[in-house]
N, C-alpha and C. Protein backbone atom coordinates (compact mmCIF):
# COMPACT_ATOMS: atom_id res chain seq x y z
N UNK A 1 21.74 -1.15 -33.07
CA UNK A 1 21.34 -1.35 -31.64
C UNK A 1 21.37 0.06 -30.98
N UNK A 2 20.35 0.33 -30.23
CA UNK A 2 20.27 1.71 -29.60
C UNK A 2 21.27 1.79 -28.48
N UNK A 3 21.53 3.05 -28.00
CA UNK A 3 22.48 3.27 -26.95
C UNK A 3 21.95 2.56 -25.63
N UNK A 4 20.67 2.64 -25.34
CA UNK A 4 20.07 2.01 -24.18
C UNK A 4 20.15 0.60 -24.27
N UNK A 5 20.00 0.01 -25.47
CA UNK A 5 20.13 -1.45 -25.68
C UNK A 5 21.50 -1.92 -25.46
N UNK A 6 22.50 -1.13 -25.91
CA UNK A 6 23.86 -1.39 -25.64
C UNK A 6 24.20 -1.40 -24.24
N UNK A 7 23.84 -0.41 -23.57
CA UNK A 7 24.00 -0.29 -21.99
C UNK A 7 23.44 -1.48 -21.36
N UNK A 8 22.28 -1.88 -21.69
CA UNK A 8 21.59 -3.03 -21.03
C UNK A 8 22.40 -4.39 -21.39
N UNK A 9 22.86 -4.46 -22.61
CA UNK A 9 23.65 -5.67 -22.99
C UNK A 9 24.98 -5.76 -22.18
N UNK A 10 25.69 -4.68 -22.10
CA UNK A 10 26.88 -4.49 -21.36
C UNK A 10 26.64 -4.79 -19.85
N UNK A 11 25.60 -4.29 -19.34
CA UNK A 11 25.22 -4.54 -17.99
C UNK A 11 24.99 -6.08 -17.70
N UNK A 12 24.21 -6.69 -18.60
CA UNK A 12 23.93 -8.07 -18.47
C UNK A 12 25.18 -8.94 -18.47
N UNK A 13 26.05 -8.54 -19.46
CA UNK A 13 27.32 -9.30 -19.69
C UNK A 13 28.25 -9.18 -18.46
N UNK A 14 28.32 -7.95 -17.85
CA UNK A 14 29.06 -7.60 -16.63
C UNK A 14 28.49 -8.35 -15.51
N UNK A 15 27.22 -8.36 -15.32
CA UNK A 15 26.62 -9.06 -14.10
C UNK A 15 26.78 -10.66 -14.35
N UNK A 16 26.67 -11.11 -15.54
CA UNK A 16 26.98 -12.56 -15.74
C UNK A 16 28.41 -13.03 -15.40
N UNK A 17 29.36 -12.13 -15.80
CA UNK A 17 30.71 -12.40 -15.48
C UNK A 17 30.94 -12.47 -13.97
N UNK A 18 30.40 -11.44 -13.35
CA UNK A 18 30.53 -11.35 -11.96
C UNK A 18 29.77 -12.48 -11.13
N UNK A 19 28.60 -12.87 -11.65
CA UNK A 19 27.83 -13.91 -11.11
C UNK A 19 28.67 -15.24 -11.14
N UNK A 20 29.25 -15.44 -12.33
CA UNK A 20 30.08 -16.77 -12.48
C UNK A 20 31.26 -16.68 -11.53
N UNK A 21 31.85 -15.53 -11.45
CA UNK A 21 33.17 -15.42 -10.59
C UNK A 21 32.80 -15.63 -9.08
N UNK A 22 31.67 -15.15 -8.67
CA UNK A 22 31.21 -15.35 -7.33
C UNK A 22 30.99 -16.76 -7.00
N UNK A 23 30.28 -17.52 -7.99
CA UNK A 23 30.09 -18.90 -7.75
C UNK A 23 31.31 -19.67 -7.68
N UNK A 24 32.34 -19.39 -8.51
CA UNK A 24 33.59 -20.17 -8.44
C UNK A 24 34.36 -19.92 -7.20
N UNK A 25 34.46 -18.57 -6.82
CA UNK A 25 35.22 -18.28 -5.74
C UNK A 25 34.61 -18.80 -4.43
N UNK A 26 33.29 -18.71 -4.39
CA UNK A 26 32.71 -19.29 -3.08
C UNK A 26 32.82 -20.85 -2.95
N UNK A 27 32.71 -21.55 -4.08
CA UNK A 27 32.87 -22.94 -4.10
C UNK A 27 34.22 -23.25 -3.65
N UNK A 28 35.25 -22.60 -4.27
CA UNK A 28 36.71 -22.79 -3.85
C UNK A 28 36.90 -22.47 -2.30
N UNK A 29 36.25 -21.31 -1.88
CA UNK A 29 36.35 -21.07 -0.43
C UNK A 29 35.98 -22.07 0.47
N UNK A 30 35.02 -23.07 -0.03
CA UNK A 30 34.49 -24.08 0.86
C UNK A 30 35.71 -24.90 1.40
N UNK A 31 36.80 -24.96 0.67
CA UNK A 31 37.91 -25.77 1.07
C UNK A 31 38.89 -25.00 1.97
N UNK A 32 38.64 -23.67 2.19
CA UNK A 32 39.61 -22.90 3.04
C UNK A 32 38.77 -22.57 4.33
N UNK A 33 39.20 -23.25 5.46
CA UNK A 33 38.43 -23.21 6.66
C UNK A 33 39.29 -22.73 7.85
N UNK A 34 38.90 -21.96 8.75
CA UNK A 34 39.40 -21.87 10.14
C UNK A 34 38.21 -22.05 11.04
N UNK A 35 38.29 -23.18 11.83
CA UNK A 35 37.15 -23.54 12.65
C UNK A 35 36.11 -24.17 11.79
N UNK A 36 34.85 -24.04 12.10
CA UNK A 36 33.73 -24.77 11.41
C UNK A 36 33.31 -24.16 10.19
N UNK A 37 33.60 -22.88 9.97
CA UNK A 37 33.10 -22.01 8.82
C UNK A 37 34.15 -21.69 7.76
N UNK A 38 33.78 -21.56 6.54
CA UNK A 38 34.72 -21.26 5.45
C UNK A 38 34.87 -19.70 5.42
N UNK A 39 36.00 -19.37 4.79
CA UNK A 39 36.30 -18.03 4.37
C UNK A 39 35.25 -17.61 3.25
N UNK A 40 35.09 -16.32 3.25
CA UNK A 40 34.26 -15.77 2.10
C UNK A 40 35.15 -15.10 1.12
N UNK A 41 35.47 -15.57 -0.16
CA UNK A 41 36.27 -15.03 -1.06
C UNK A 41 35.63 -14.15 -2.09
N UNK A 42 34.25 -14.14 -2.00
CA UNK A 42 33.45 -13.63 -3.13
C UNK A 42 32.99 -12.16 -2.94
N UNK A 43 33.48 -11.60 -1.80
CA UNK A 43 33.09 -10.18 -1.45
C UNK A 43 33.46 -9.16 -2.43
N UNK A 44 34.72 -9.24 -2.97
CA UNK A 44 35.24 -8.19 -3.89
C UNK A 44 34.40 -8.07 -5.13
N UNK A 45 33.95 -9.21 -5.84
CA UNK A 45 33.13 -9.06 -7.01
C UNK A 45 31.66 -8.39 -6.62
N UNK A 46 31.30 -8.72 -5.41
CA UNK A 46 29.97 -8.07 -4.89
C UNK A 46 30.15 -6.50 -4.89
N UNK A 47 31.36 -6.16 -4.27
CA UNK A 47 31.60 -4.62 -4.20
C UNK A 47 31.71 -4.07 -5.62
N UNK A 48 32.39 -4.72 -6.47
CA UNK A 48 32.56 -4.17 -7.83
C UNK A 48 31.16 -4.04 -8.63
N UNK A 49 30.39 -5.09 -8.47
CA UNK A 49 29.04 -5.08 -9.12
C UNK A 49 28.16 -4.05 -8.62
N UNK A 50 28.10 -3.95 -7.23
CA UNK A 50 27.23 -2.93 -6.76
C UNK A 50 27.72 -1.62 -7.08
N UNK A 51 29.05 -1.32 -7.06
CA UNK A 51 29.55 -0.03 -7.41
C UNK A 51 29.17 0.33 -8.87
N UNK A 52 29.33 -0.63 -9.77
CA UNK A 52 29.08 -0.33 -11.28
C UNK A 52 27.56 -0.36 -11.61
N UNK A 53 26.86 -1.16 -11.00
CA UNK A 53 25.43 -1.31 -11.55
C UNK A 53 24.36 -0.93 -10.53
N UNK A 54 24.69 -0.58 -9.24
CA UNK A 54 23.71 -0.20 -8.34
C UNK A 54 23.31 -1.10 -7.31
N UNK A 55 22.32 -0.67 -6.44
CA UNK A 55 21.88 -1.43 -5.30
C UNK A 55 21.30 -2.85 -5.69
N UNK A 56 20.36 -2.75 -6.72
CA UNK A 56 19.75 -4.03 -7.12
C UNK A 56 20.75 -4.99 -7.63
N UNK A 57 21.83 -4.58 -8.30
CA UNK A 57 22.85 -5.52 -8.70
C UNK A 57 23.61 -6.00 -7.55
N UNK A 58 23.95 -5.14 -6.62
CA UNK A 58 24.60 -5.60 -5.33
C UNK A 58 23.89 -6.57 -4.62
N UNK A 59 22.50 -6.33 -4.54
CA UNK A 59 21.69 -7.31 -3.87
C UNK A 59 21.62 -8.67 -4.71
N UNK A 60 21.50 -8.60 -6.00
CA UNK A 60 21.59 -9.81 -6.84
C UNK A 60 22.81 -10.64 -6.58
N UNK A 61 24.03 -9.91 -6.63
CA UNK A 61 25.22 -10.66 -6.49
C UNK A 61 25.47 -11.13 -5.15
N UNK A 62 24.93 -10.38 -4.09
CA UNK A 62 24.97 -10.91 -2.74
C UNK A 62 24.04 -12.15 -2.53
N UNK A 63 22.97 -11.99 -3.31
CA UNK A 63 21.95 -13.19 -3.26
C UNK A 63 22.58 -14.48 -3.92
N UNK A 64 23.28 -14.24 -4.98
CA UNK A 64 24.01 -15.48 -5.65
C UNK A 64 24.99 -16.04 -4.67
N UNK A 65 25.78 -15.21 -3.99
CA UNK A 65 26.78 -15.60 -3.03
C UNK A 65 25.95 -16.40 -1.97
N UNK A 66 24.88 -15.94 -1.42
CA UNK A 66 24.03 -16.52 -0.47
C UNK A 66 23.53 -17.88 -0.76
N UNK A 67 23.20 -18.04 -2.07
CA UNK A 67 22.60 -19.31 -2.53
C UNK A 67 23.84 -20.35 -2.58
N UNK A 68 24.90 -20.01 -2.94
CA UNK A 68 26.00 -20.93 -3.02
C UNK A 68 26.35 -21.30 -1.47
N UNK A 69 26.38 -20.44 -0.59
CA UNK A 69 26.67 -20.71 0.85
C UNK A 69 25.58 -21.64 1.34
N UNK A 70 24.26 -21.38 1.00
CA UNK A 70 23.24 -22.23 1.43
C UNK A 70 23.33 -23.60 0.92
N UNK A 71 23.66 -23.77 -0.43
CA UNK A 71 23.91 -25.12 -0.98
C UNK A 71 25.01 -25.87 -0.29
N UNK A 72 26.04 -25.19 0.12
CA UNK A 72 27.17 -25.71 0.90
C UNK A 72 26.72 -26.31 2.19
N UNK A 73 25.83 -25.54 2.89
CA UNK A 73 25.24 -25.94 4.10
C UNK A 73 24.30 -27.21 3.97
N UNK A 74 23.60 -27.28 2.85
CA UNK A 74 22.67 -28.36 2.58
C UNK A 74 23.47 -29.62 2.28
N UNK A 75 24.57 -29.47 1.37
CA UNK A 75 25.31 -30.60 1.03
C UNK A 75 26.40 -31.02 2.01
N UNK A 76 26.63 -30.29 3.02
CA UNK A 76 27.65 -30.62 3.96
C UNK A 76 29.01 -30.14 3.57
N UNK A 77 29.11 -29.28 2.50
CA UNK A 77 30.39 -28.75 2.16
C UNK A 77 30.91 -27.70 3.19
N UNK A 78 29.98 -27.14 3.86
CA UNK A 78 30.25 -26.16 4.98
C UNK A 78 29.81 -26.92 6.27
N UNK A 79 30.81 -27.40 7.05
CA UNK A 79 30.52 -28.21 8.21
C UNK A 79 29.64 -27.45 9.21
N UNK A 80 29.94 -26.25 9.62
CA UNK A 80 29.24 -25.50 10.56
C UNK A 80 27.80 -25.17 10.00
N UNK A 81 27.77 -24.75 8.75
CA UNK A 81 26.49 -24.38 8.20
C UNK A 81 25.54 -25.63 8.00
N UNK A 82 26.14 -26.82 7.87
CA UNK A 82 25.37 -28.12 7.82
C UNK A 82 24.79 -28.36 9.14
N UNK A 83 25.47 -28.08 10.20
CA UNK A 83 24.87 -28.26 11.57
C UNK A 83 23.63 -27.43 11.71
N UNK A 84 23.83 -26.03 11.29
CA UNK A 84 22.71 -25.12 11.44
C UNK A 84 21.54 -25.59 10.58
N UNK A 85 21.84 -26.07 9.37
CA UNK A 85 20.78 -26.64 8.51
C UNK A 85 20.03 -27.82 9.15
N UNK A 86 20.72 -28.71 9.82
CA UNK A 86 20.14 -29.82 10.52
C UNK A 86 19.22 -29.37 11.78
N UNK A 87 19.68 -28.24 12.36
CA UNK A 87 18.80 -27.78 13.46
C UNK A 87 17.67 -27.10 13.00
N UNK A 88 17.66 -26.28 11.96
CA UNK A 88 16.47 -25.65 11.47
C UNK A 88 16.76 -25.26 10.06
N UNK A 89 16.32 -26.00 9.12
CA UNK A 89 16.44 -25.69 7.69
C UNK A 89 15.87 -24.27 7.27
N UNK A 90 14.72 -23.94 7.86
CA UNK A 90 14.11 -22.68 7.52
C UNK A 90 14.88 -21.53 8.01
N UNK A 91 15.27 -21.51 9.26
CA UNK A 91 16.12 -20.37 9.85
C UNK A 91 17.48 -20.34 9.16
N UNK A 92 18.10 -21.48 8.85
CA UNK A 92 19.42 -21.42 8.24
C UNK A 92 19.35 -20.79 6.94
N UNK A 93 18.26 -21.16 6.10
CA UNK A 93 18.07 -20.70 4.80
C UNK A 93 17.86 -19.14 4.76
N UNK A 94 16.95 -18.69 5.74
CA UNK A 94 16.70 -17.21 5.78
C UNK A 94 17.93 -16.51 6.27
N UNK A 95 18.72 -17.09 7.20
CA UNK A 95 19.94 -16.35 7.59
C UNK A 95 20.93 -16.36 6.50
N UNK A 96 21.11 -17.43 5.78
CA UNK A 96 22.07 -17.40 4.63
C UNK A 96 21.69 -16.44 3.56
N UNK A 97 20.39 -16.32 3.14
CA UNK A 97 19.87 -15.52 2.12
C UNK A 97 19.84 -13.96 2.45
N UNK A 98 19.59 -13.71 3.66
CA UNK A 98 19.44 -12.42 4.12
C UNK A 98 20.80 -11.71 4.25
N UNK A 99 21.79 -12.41 4.84
CA UNK A 99 23.11 -11.81 5.22
C UNK A 99 23.84 -11.37 3.88
N UNK A 100 23.87 -12.27 2.89
CA UNK A 100 24.57 -11.96 1.73
C UNK A 100 23.87 -10.88 0.80
N UNK A 101 22.58 -11.03 0.75
CA UNK A 101 21.87 -9.98 -0.06
C UNK A 101 21.86 -8.69 0.53
N UNK A 102 21.71 -8.59 1.86
CA UNK A 102 21.87 -7.31 2.50
C UNK A 102 23.27 -6.75 2.42
N UNK A 103 24.34 -7.50 2.50
CA UNK A 103 25.71 -7.10 2.39
C UNK A 103 25.93 -6.43 1.01
N UNK A 104 25.38 -7.09 -0.09
CA UNK A 104 25.57 -6.55 -1.49
C UNK A 104 24.80 -5.23 -1.60
N UNK A 105 23.60 -5.11 -1.10
CA UNK A 105 22.73 -3.93 -1.23
C UNK A 105 23.42 -2.75 -0.44
N UNK A 106 23.79 -3.03 0.75
CA UNK A 106 24.28 -1.97 1.68
C UNK A 106 25.67 -1.50 1.03
N UNK A 107 26.44 -2.42 0.56
CA UNK A 107 27.75 -2.00 -0.12
C UNK A 107 27.55 -1.12 -1.28
N UNK A 108 26.53 -1.44 -2.17
CA UNK A 108 26.26 -0.54 -3.35
C UNK A 108 25.73 0.80 -2.78
N UNK A 109 24.89 0.75 -1.86
CA UNK A 109 24.30 2.02 -1.32
C UNK A 109 25.41 2.89 -0.77
N UNK A 110 26.31 2.34 0.04
CA UNK A 110 27.44 3.12 0.62
C UNK A 110 28.31 3.68 -0.44
N UNK A 111 28.65 2.78 -1.44
CA UNK A 111 29.52 3.38 -2.53
C UNK A 111 28.85 4.56 -3.27
N UNK A 112 27.58 4.34 -3.70
CA UNK A 112 26.86 5.40 -4.44
C UNK A 112 26.82 6.67 -3.67
N UNK A 113 26.72 6.60 -2.38
CA UNK A 113 26.55 7.81 -1.49
C UNK A 113 27.80 8.52 -1.34
N UNK A 114 29.02 7.97 -1.63
CA UNK A 114 30.31 8.55 -1.44
C UNK A 114 31.09 8.82 -2.71
N UNK A 115 30.80 8.06 -3.70
CA UNK A 115 31.62 8.07 -5.02
C UNK A 115 31.72 9.42 -5.61
N UNK A 116 30.75 10.22 -5.60
CA UNK A 116 30.84 11.52 -6.28
C UNK A 116 31.94 12.40 -5.60
N UNK A 117 31.96 12.29 -4.29
CA UNK A 117 32.96 13.08 -3.52
C UNK A 117 34.46 12.53 -3.53
N UNK A 118 34.45 11.20 -3.39
CA UNK A 118 35.78 10.52 -3.24
C UNK A 118 35.72 9.16 -3.77
N UNK A 119 36.12 8.91 -4.97
CA UNK A 119 36.00 7.46 -5.47
C UNK A 119 36.75 6.43 -4.65
N UNK A 120 38.03 6.68 -4.23
CA UNK A 120 38.65 5.70 -3.51
C UNK A 120 38.18 5.49 -2.15
N UNK A 121 37.73 6.59 -1.52
CA UNK A 121 37.04 6.56 -0.15
C UNK A 121 35.80 5.69 -0.24
N UNK A 122 35.07 5.82 -1.37
CA UNK A 122 33.77 5.04 -1.54
C UNK A 122 34.13 3.55 -1.64
N UNK A 123 35.13 3.21 -2.42
CA UNK A 123 35.48 1.77 -2.51
C UNK A 123 36.02 1.26 -1.17
N UNK A 124 36.82 1.99 -0.41
CA UNK A 124 37.25 1.57 0.89
C UNK A 124 36.03 1.27 1.76
N UNK A 125 35.08 2.38 1.83
CA UNK A 125 33.90 2.14 2.78
C UNK A 125 33.09 0.96 2.30
N UNK A 126 32.88 0.75 0.97
CA UNK A 126 32.10 -0.41 0.51
C UNK A 126 32.78 -1.67 0.84
N UNK A 127 34.13 -1.63 0.69
CA UNK A 127 34.86 -2.90 0.99
C UNK A 127 34.80 -3.25 2.48
N UNK A 128 34.80 -2.22 3.28
CA UNK A 128 34.64 -2.51 4.79
C UNK A 128 33.25 -3.00 5.17
N UNK A 129 32.20 -2.25 4.63
CA UNK A 129 30.92 -2.52 5.00
C UNK A 129 30.38 -3.87 4.55
N UNK A 130 30.98 -4.41 3.46
CA UNK A 130 30.43 -5.74 2.98
C UNK A 130 30.71 -6.89 4.01
N UNK A 131 31.91 -7.06 4.44
CA UNK A 131 32.06 -8.17 5.46
C UNK A 131 31.45 -7.86 6.68
N UNK A 132 31.33 -6.52 7.17
CA UNK A 132 30.68 -6.14 8.40
C UNK A 132 29.32 -6.53 8.45
N UNK A 133 28.53 -6.17 7.33
CA UNK A 133 27.15 -6.54 7.30
C UNK A 133 26.93 -8.16 7.23
N UNK A 134 27.72 -8.72 6.33
CA UNK A 134 27.55 -10.21 6.12
C UNK A 134 27.88 -10.88 7.46
N UNK A 135 28.97 -10.55 8.13
CA UNK A 135 29.28 -11.31 9.41
C UNK A 135 28.50 -10.74 10.58
N UNK A 136 28.09 -9.49 10.55
CA UNK A 136 27.21 -9.02 11.64
C UNK A 136 25.83 -9.74 11.66
N UNK A 137 25.15 -9.71 10.45
CA UNK A 137 23.85 -10.43 10.35
C UNK A 137 23.96 -11.84 10.79
N UNK A 138 25.06 -12.53 10.35
CA UNK A 138 25.29 -13.93 10.70
C UNK A 138 25.27 -14.12 12.27
N UNK A 139 26.13 -13.19 12.85
CA UNK A 139 26.31 -13.44 14.37
C UNK A 139 24.95 -13.12 15.01
N UNK A 140 24.27 -12.07 14.62
CA UNK A 140 22.98 -11.75 15.25
C UNK A 140 22.02 -12.91 15.03
N UNK A 141 22.10 -13.56 13.92
CA UNK A 141 21.26 -14.71 13.63
C UNK A 141 21.51 -15.80 14.51
N UNK A 142 22.89 -16.07 14.71
CA UNK A 142 23.24 -17.20 15.52
C UNK A 142 22.73 -17.02 16.96
N UNK A 143 22.90 -15.75 17.53
CA UNK A 143 22.58 -15.45 18.84
C UNK A 143 21.02 -15.53 19.07
N UNK A 144 20.27 -14.97 17.99
CA UNK A 144 18.78 -15.02 18.30
C UNK A 144 18.21 -16.38 18.02
N UNK A 145 18.73 -17.11 17.02
CA UNK A 145 17.89 -18.35 16.57
C UNK A 145 18.72 -19.70 16.81
N UNK A 146 19.93 -19.64 17.11
CA UNK A 146 20.77 -20.75 17.19
C UNK A 146 21.51 -20.85 18.59
N UNK A 147 21.01 -20.18 19.58
CA UNK A 147 21.78 -19.92 20.82
C UNK A 147 22.20 -21.35 21.52
N UNK A 148 21.39 -22.31 21.54
CA UNK A 148 21.82 -23.64 22.03
C UNK A 148 22.93 -24.19 21.29
N UNK A 149 22.94 -24.18 19.99
CA UNK A 149 24.06 -24.70 19.15
C UNK A 149 25.23 -23.92 19.42
N UNK A 150 25.15 -22.51 19.45
CA UNK A 150 26.33 -21.62 19.71
C UNK A 150 26.89 -21.90 21.13
N UNK A 151 26.08 -22.10 22.09
CA UNK A 151 26.55 -22.44 23.46
C UNK A 151 27.20 -23.72 23.50
N UNK A 152 26.78 -24.70 22.75
CA UNK A 152 27.50 -26.00 22.67
C UNK A 152 28.78 -25.92 21.97
N UNK A 153 28.88 -25.16 20.85
CA UNK A 153 30.22 -24.97 20.30
C UNK A 153 31.17 -24.25 21.15
N UNK A 154 30.59 -23.24 21.94
CA UNK A 154 31.49 -22.53 22.75
C UNK A 154 32.02 -23.39 24.07
N UNK A 155 31.06 -24.21 24.49
CA UNK A 155 31.48 -25.15 25.59
C UNK A 155 32.47 -26.16 25.10
N UNK A 156 32.39 -26.70 23.79
CA UNK A 156 33.28 -27.66 23.29
C UNK A 156 34.65 -27.00 23.19
N UNK A 157 34.72 -25.65 22.97
CA UNK A 157 36.03 -24.98 22.74
C UNK A 157 36.60 -24.42 24.07
N UNK A 158 35.77 -24.66 25.18
CA UNK A 158 36.18 -24.25 26.53
C UNK A 158 36.18 -22.63 26.66
N UNK A 159 35.18 -22.06 26.06
CA UNK A 159 35.07 -20.59 26.01
C UNK A 159 33.56 -20.24 26.45
N UNK A 160 33.38 -18.96 26.76
CA UNK A 160 32.03 -18.41 26.93
C UNK A 160 31.67 -18.02 25.50
N UNK A 161 30.35 -17.71 25.40
CA UNK A 161 29.79 -17.52 24.05
C UNK A 161 30.46 -16.22 23.43
N UNK A 162 30.72 -15.25 24.16
CA UNK A 162 31.25 -13.95 23.65
C UNK A 162 32.67 -14.13 23.15
N UNK A 163 33.56 -14.78 23.99
CA UNK A 163 34.84 -15.20 23.61
C UNK A 163 34.83 -16.07 22.34
N UNK A 164 34.00 -17.00 22.31
CA UNK A 164 34.01 -17.93 21.22
C UNK A 164 33.65 -17.18 19.93
N UNK A 165 32.63 -16.34 19.99
CA UNK A 165 32.29 -15.42 18.72
C UNK A 165 33.47 -14.65 18.33
N UNK A 166 34.11 -14.00 19.25
CA UNK A 166 35.28 -13.09 18.82
C UNK A 166 36.55 -13.78 18.38
N UNK A 167 36.85 -14.94 19.07
CA UNK A 167 38.11 -15.46 18.91
C UNK A 167 38.05 -16.99 18.28
N UNK A 168 36.91 -17.57 18.29
CA UNK A 168 36.93 -19.08 17.83
C UNK A 168 36.00 -19.13 16.60
N UNK A 169 34.96 -18.41 16.55
CA UNK A 169 33.97 -18.63 15.48
C UNK A 169 34.23 -17.78 14.25
N UNK A 170 34.23 -16.59 14.32
CA UNK A 170 34.32 -15.74 13.15
C UNK A 170 35.46 -14.67 13.16
N UNK A 171 36.18 -14.56 14.27
CA UNK A 171 37.23 -13.58 14.42
C UNK A 171 38.23 -13.63 13.32
N UNK A 172 38.98 -14.75 13.16
CA UNK A 172 39.99 -14.83 12.15
C UNK A 172 39.34 -14.76 10.70
N UNK A 173 38.27 -15.38 10.54
CA UNK A 173 37.57 -15.45 9.23
C UNK A 173 37.23 -13.97 8.77
N UNK A 174 36.64 -13.22 9.70
CA UNK A 174 36.23 -11.82 9.38
C UNK A 174 37.48 -11.01 9.16
N UNK A 175 38.49 -11.14 9.96
CA UNK A 175 39.69 -10.32 9.73
C UNK A 175 40.31 -10.62 8.31
N UNK A 176 40.36 -11.77 7.98
CA UNK A 176 40.89 -12.18 6.73
C UNK A 176 40.11 -11.61 5.53
N UNK A 177 38.72 -11.72 5.69
CA UNK A 177 37.85 -11.20 4.57
C UNK A 177 37.98 -9.65 4.58
N UNK A 178 38.04 -9.02 5.73
CA UNK A 178 38.16 -7.56 5.75
C UNK A 178 39.60 -7.10 5.14
N UNK A 179 40.62 -7.81 5.52
CA UNK A 179 41.90 -7.52 5.05
C UNK A 179 42.01 -7.68 3.49
N UNK A 180 41.46 -8.81 3.11
CA UNK A 180 41.47 -8.97 1.66
C UNK A 180 40.77 -8.00 0.82
N UNK A 181 39.66 -7.58 1.34
CA UNK A 181 38.96 -6.48 0.63
C UNK A 181 39.64 -5.17 0.70
N UNK A 182 40.38 -4.89 1.80
CA UNK A 182 41.09 -3.57 1.89
C UNK A 182 42.39 -3.65 0.94
N UNK A 183 42.99 -4.77 0.96
CA UNK A 183 44.06 -4.96 0.03
C UNK A 183 43.82 -4.84 -1.40
N UNK A 184 42.61 -5.40 -1.77
CA UNK A 184 42.12 -5.34 -3.19
C UNK A 184 41.49 -4.05 -3.53
N UNK A 185 41.30 -3.07 -2.58
CA UNK A 185 40.61 -1.87 -2.81
C UNK A 185 41.09 -1.04 -4.05
N UNK A 186 42.50 -0.99 -4.13
CA UNK A 186 43.08 -0.24 -5.20
C UNK A 186 42.84 -0.94 -6.56
N UNK A 187 42.77 -2.12 -6.57
CA UNK A 187 42.43 -2.87 -7.81
C UNK A 187 40.97 -2.72 -8.14
N UNK A 188 40.08 -2.80 -7.08
CA UNK A 188 38.68 -2.58 -7.31
C UNK A 188 38.37 -1.27 -7.85
N UNK A 189 39.09 -0.22 -7.35
CA UNK A 189 38.82 1.13 -7.87
C UNK A 189 39.17 1.23 -9.30
N UNK A 190 40.38 0.63 -9.61
CA UNK A 190 40.84 0.71 -11.12
C UNK A 190 39.72 0.06 -11.99
N UNK A 191 39.39 -1.16 -11.57
CA UNK A 191 38.35 -1.80 -12.38
C UNK A 191 37.12 -1.03 -12.63
N UNK A 192 36.59 -0.47 -11.45
CA UNK A 192 35.39 0.39 -11.57
C UNK A 192 35.59 1.53 -12.47
N UNK A 193 36.73 2.34 -12.33
CA UNK A 193 37.03 3.46 -13.13
C UNK A 193 37.15 3.16 -14.52
N UNK A 194 37.74 2.00 -14.85
CA UNK A 194 37.97 1.53 -16.23
C UNK A 194 36.60 1.23 -16.87
N UNK A 195 35.68 0.66 -16.17
CA UNK A 195 34.41 0.23 -16.70
C UNK A 195 33.48 1.51 -16.92
N UNK A 196 33.61 2.41 -15.95
CA UNK A 196 32.81 3.70 -15.96
C UNK A 196 33.24 4.52 -17.26
N UNK A 197 34.55 4.50 -17.56
CA UNK A 197 35.07 5.28 -18.67
C UNK A 197 34.60 4.47 -19.98
N UNK A 198 34.60 3.18 -19.92
CA UNK A 198 34.24 2.37 -21.14
C UNK A 198 32.72 2.55 -21.45
N UNK A 199 31.97 2.79 -20.35
CA UNK A 199 30.52 2.91 -20.57
C UNK A 199 30.09 4.33 -20.94
N UNK A 200 31.09 5.23 -20.75
CA UNK A 200 30.72 6.70 -20.93
C UNK A 200 30.56 6.95 -22.46
């Protein structure tokens, strides 16, 4: 087997493992909720895959995460997502697919732009940007395309839309996702460094 074939095989094996891990973690996350939406537990494998294999791999892994989220919206496993699906299946699907895919791509791009100068700093930045992009695109999509639904949720909670977004809808979820990524940053860096040495 040639060296390039070995590298391709290792890459495919690594991406397969990360893909399976993302599916399992996101299905499990369906049962961990604060408010109408679930936590995202699959961001760390997206960071790892993007760092190891580049932007296309980051986008692929983010896309896998997005498809699982969309399936939970369709099947009712994600109650808030199910409401969005019933309001507009097309917009819900686009929002789900874009936010995760973009988070994976941007995470990999950020890591690659910093890694040569500071490996741990690159991991920290990638770990921060992944939930920021994922949640940021979700919130922009809600405001642009689902404002009546968002206003109804805020009214039911006795809040204005801004307060509801910050404190009722995604505030706790986002902080947990960001904290989890930051806590795991040291482990993520060790995994990346180990794989890079193994592939060298």
